[in-house]
Protein backbone atom coordinates (compact mmCIF):
# COMPACT_ATOMS: atom_id res chain seq x y z
CA MET A 1 68.96 8.71 -64.10
CA THR A 2 68.01 6.33 -66.98
CA ARG A 3 68.06 2.70 -66.12
CA ILE A 4 68.95 -0.01 -69.12
CA ALA A 5 68.26 -3.27 -69.55
CA VAL A 6 69.75 -5.61 -72.23
CA TYR A 7 67.57 -8.86 -72.70
CA PRO A 8 69.88 -11.07 -75.01
CA GLY A 9 69.45 -13.96 -77.02
CA SER A 10 69.92 -16.08 -79.92
CA PHE A 11 66.14 -15.84 -80.84
CA ASP A 12 65.84 -18.04 -83.61
CA PRO A 13 63.22 -17.92 -84.03
CA PRO A 14 61.65 -15.43 -81.48
CA THR A 15 58.95 -17.39 -79.47
CA ASN A 16 55.91 -15.62 -78.00
CA GLY A 17 57.73 -16.51 -74.41
CA HIS A 18 60.80 -14.33 -76.05
CA THR A 19 57.94 -11.11 -76.74
CA ASP A 20 56.92 -11.46 -72.82
CA LEU A 21 60.00 -10.93 -71.44
CA VAL A 22 60.67 -8.15 -73.66
CA ARG A 23 57.20 -6.34 -72.85
CA ARG A 24 57.59 -7.14 -68.86
CA SER A 25 61.50 -5.76 -68.78
CA LEU A 26 59.99 -2.86 -69.51
CA ALA A 27 58.72 -2.47 -66.06
CA LEU A 28 61.68 -2.99 -64.87
CA ALA A 29 63.73 -0.62 -66.84
CA ASP A 30 63.43 2.57 -68.77
CA ARG A 31 64.90 1.31 -71.65
CA VAL A 32 65.44 -2.16 -73.26
CA VAL A 33 67.85 -3.15 -75.79
CA VAL A 34 67.05 -6.46 -77.11
CA ALA A 35 70.77 -7.97 -78.21
CA VAL A 36 70.68 -10.78 -80.86
CA ALA A 37 74.10 -12.47 -80.50
CA ARG A 38 75.78 -13.27 -83.32
CA ASN A 39 77.34 -16.78 -82.82
CA SER A 40 80.13 -17.99 -85.32
CA THR A 41 79.54 -21.20 -84.47
CA LYS A 42 75.77 -21.86 -84.92
CA GLU A 43 74.33 -22.23 -87.93
CA PRO A 44 71.18 -20.27 -87.37
CA LEU A 45 67.92 -20.86 -88.83
CA PHE A 46 67.49 -17.20 -89.59
CA SER A 47 69.96 -14.19 -90.33
CA VAL A 48 69.89 -12.01 -87.48
CA SER A 49 68.83 -9.22 -90.00
CA GLU A 50 65.91 -11.89 -90.36
CA ARG A 51 65.08 -12.16 -86.40
CA LEU A 52 65.73 -8.24 -85.89
CA ASP A 53 63.08 -7.81 -88.27
CA MET A 54 60.52 -10.51 -86.92
CA LEU A 55 61.59 -9.49 -83.45
CA ARG A 56 60.42 -5.53 -84.08
CA GLN A 57 57.42 -7.06 -86.09
CA ALA A 58 56.11 -9.36 -83.19
CA VAL A 59 56.76 -6.90 -80.62
CA GLY A 60 55.24 -4.05 -81.63
CA GLU A 61 56.95 0.14 -81.95
CA ASP A 62 58.08 1.24 -78.69
CA PRO A 63 60.49 3.98 -78.28
CA ARG A 64 61.35 2.80 -75.27
CA ILE A 65 63.19 -0.83 -77.05
CA THR A 66 65.88 -0.76 -79.33
CA TYR A 67 66.63 -3.84 -81.08
CA GLU A 68 70.27 -4.96 -82.12
CA SER A 69 72.82 -7.44 -82.54
CA PHE A 70 76.61 -8.21 -81.15
CA GLU A 71 79.32 -10.38 -80.66
CA GLY A 72 81.91 -11.03 -78.34
CA LEU A 73 81.53 -10.68 -74.07
CA LEU A 74 77.72 -9.50 -73.52
CA VAL A 75 79.50 -7.15 -70.74
CA ASP A 76 81.08 -5.39 -73.36
CA PHE A 77 77.88 -4.81 -75.21
CA CYS A 78 76.02 -3.97 -72.04
CA ARG A 79 78.83 -1.12 -70.48
CA GLY A 80 79.47 -0.03 -74.23
CA HIS A 81 75.33 0.92 -74.03
CA GLY A 82 75.42 2.02 -70.15
CA ALA A 83 73.03 -0.68 -68.94
CA SER A 84 73.09 -2.24 -65.53
CA LEU A 85 70.67 -5.05 -65.77
CA ILE A 86 70.77 -7.73 -67.71
CA VAL A 87 67.45 -9.79 -68.61
CA ARG A 88 66.90 -13.57 -69.04
CA GLY A 89 64.16 -16.25 -68.89
CA LEU A 90 63.96 -19.07 -66.72
CA ARG A 91 61.86 -21.64 -67.79
CA ALA A 92 62.88 -24.53 -65.24
CA VAL A 93 65.29 -25.24 -62.97
CA SER A 94 67.67 -26.72 -65.57
CA ASP A 95 67.94 -23.35 -66.70
CA PHE A 96 68.97 -21.60 -63.63
CA GLU A 97 72.71 -23.52 -62.79
CA TYR A 98 74.12 -22.62 -65.93
CA GLU A 99 72.17 -19.44 -65.99
CA PHE A 100 73.71 -18.08 -62.23
CA GLN A 101 76.52 -19.16 -63.00
CA MET A 102 76.82 -16.23 -66.45
CA ALA A 103 75.18 -13.80 -64.17
CA MET A 104 78.30 -14.59 -61.95
CA MET A 105 80.91 -14.26 -64.29
CA ASN A 106 79.37 -11.14 -65.92
CA ARG A 107 79.03 -9.56 -62.10
CA HIS A 108 83.16 -10.43 -61.89
CA LEU A 109 83.48 -9.00 -65.25
CA LEU A 110 82.01 -6.13 -64.68
CA PRO A 111 80.56 -5.24 -61.24
CA GLY A 112 77.45 -3.59 -60.51
CA LEU A 113 75.30 -5.44 -63.62
CA GLU A 114 73.11 -7.36 -62.20
CA THR A 115 70.97 -9.98 -63.46
CA VAL A 116 67.20 -10.44 -62.88
CA PHE A 117 65.25 -13.63 -63.76
CA LEU A 118 61.79 -13.91 -65.14
CA VAL A 119 59.49 -16.71 -65.03
CA PRO A 120 57.55 -16.73 -68.37
CA PRO A 121 54.06 -17.38 -68.55
CA GLU A 122 52.63 -20.85 -67.65
CA ASP A 123 51.49 -21.12 -71.27
CA ALA A 124 55.49 -20.77 -72.62
CA THR A 125 57.08 -22.56 -69.53
CA TYR A 126 57.98 -25.58 -72.33
CA LEU A 127 59.03 -23.04 -75.10
CA SER A 128 62.13 -22.93 -76.62
CA SER A 129 63.52 -21.66 -80.17
CA SER A 130 64.90 -25.42 -80.58
CA LEU A 131 61.64 -26.87 -80.02
CA VAL A 132 59.46 -24.25 -82.08
CA ARG A 133 62.03 -25.41 -84.80
CA GLU A 134 61.80 -28.74 -84.74
CA VAL A 135 58.30 -29.05 -84.64
CA ALA A 136 58.02 -26.40 -87.29
CA ARG A 137 60.68 -28.73 -89.74
CA HIS A 138 58.04 -31.15 -89.58
CA GLY A 139 54.93 -29.54 -90.23
CA GLY A 140 54.21 -29.41 -87.10
CA ASP A 141 51.59 -26.50 -85.52
CA VAL A 142 53.49 -24.09 -83.71
CA SER A 143 50.91 -21.14 -84.53
CA ALA A 144 49.82 -20.55 -80.58
CA LEU A 145 54.05 -19.98 -80.19
CA VAL A 146 55.19 -17.86 -82.28
CA HIS A 147 53.92 -14.60 -83.33
CA PRO A 148 52.19 -14.42 -86.93
CA VAL A 149 55.58 -13.12 -88.59
CA VAL A 150 57.36 -15.49 -87.37
CA LEU A 151 54.67 -18.46 -88.62
CA ALA A 152 55.11 -16.98 -91.94
CA ALA A 153 58.70 -17.28 -91.58
CA LEU A 154 58.65 -20.86 -90.29
CA LYS A 155 56.64 -21.94 -93.35
CA ARG A 156 58.61 -20.60 -95.98
CA ARG A 157 61.81 -21.46 -94.59
CA PHE A 158 60.56 -25.38 -94.30
CA ALA A 159 58.31 -25.15 -97.07
CA PRO A 160 58.30 -28.18 -99.36
CA ARG A 161 61.04 -27.83 -102.54
């Protein structure tokens, strides 16, 4: 039986912390679906297709990893893919309360769906997409925090006009 994990997020933009978790998720599952959330209430910096493309390039080709977008309930997406695991990253204790509530609700909505929390590498514990966006917006150096493809996209997006 194939164990399928879903790693959901906005990935706006993908960071080295995200790509690390995608790769490490393969130790827990036979197949990982990286699921980019479409959120109509937020104004993203990058389109869903841009985020999917950056993730593909940053993680690299691996037949065990697929990239898709989703809207609506994560449990419906997981059910549709036969996933038994959700992978989430925990950077700090402050992330835990929200993530714990989401994990419990997801399990309530889809019994048997487990959430696995992975801790990022030490050099990515403070890293978030919103922090990377803000630093890049003001011309700060984020080259050590994102893949070169993402860095180039950020530079194009924030280039003086």
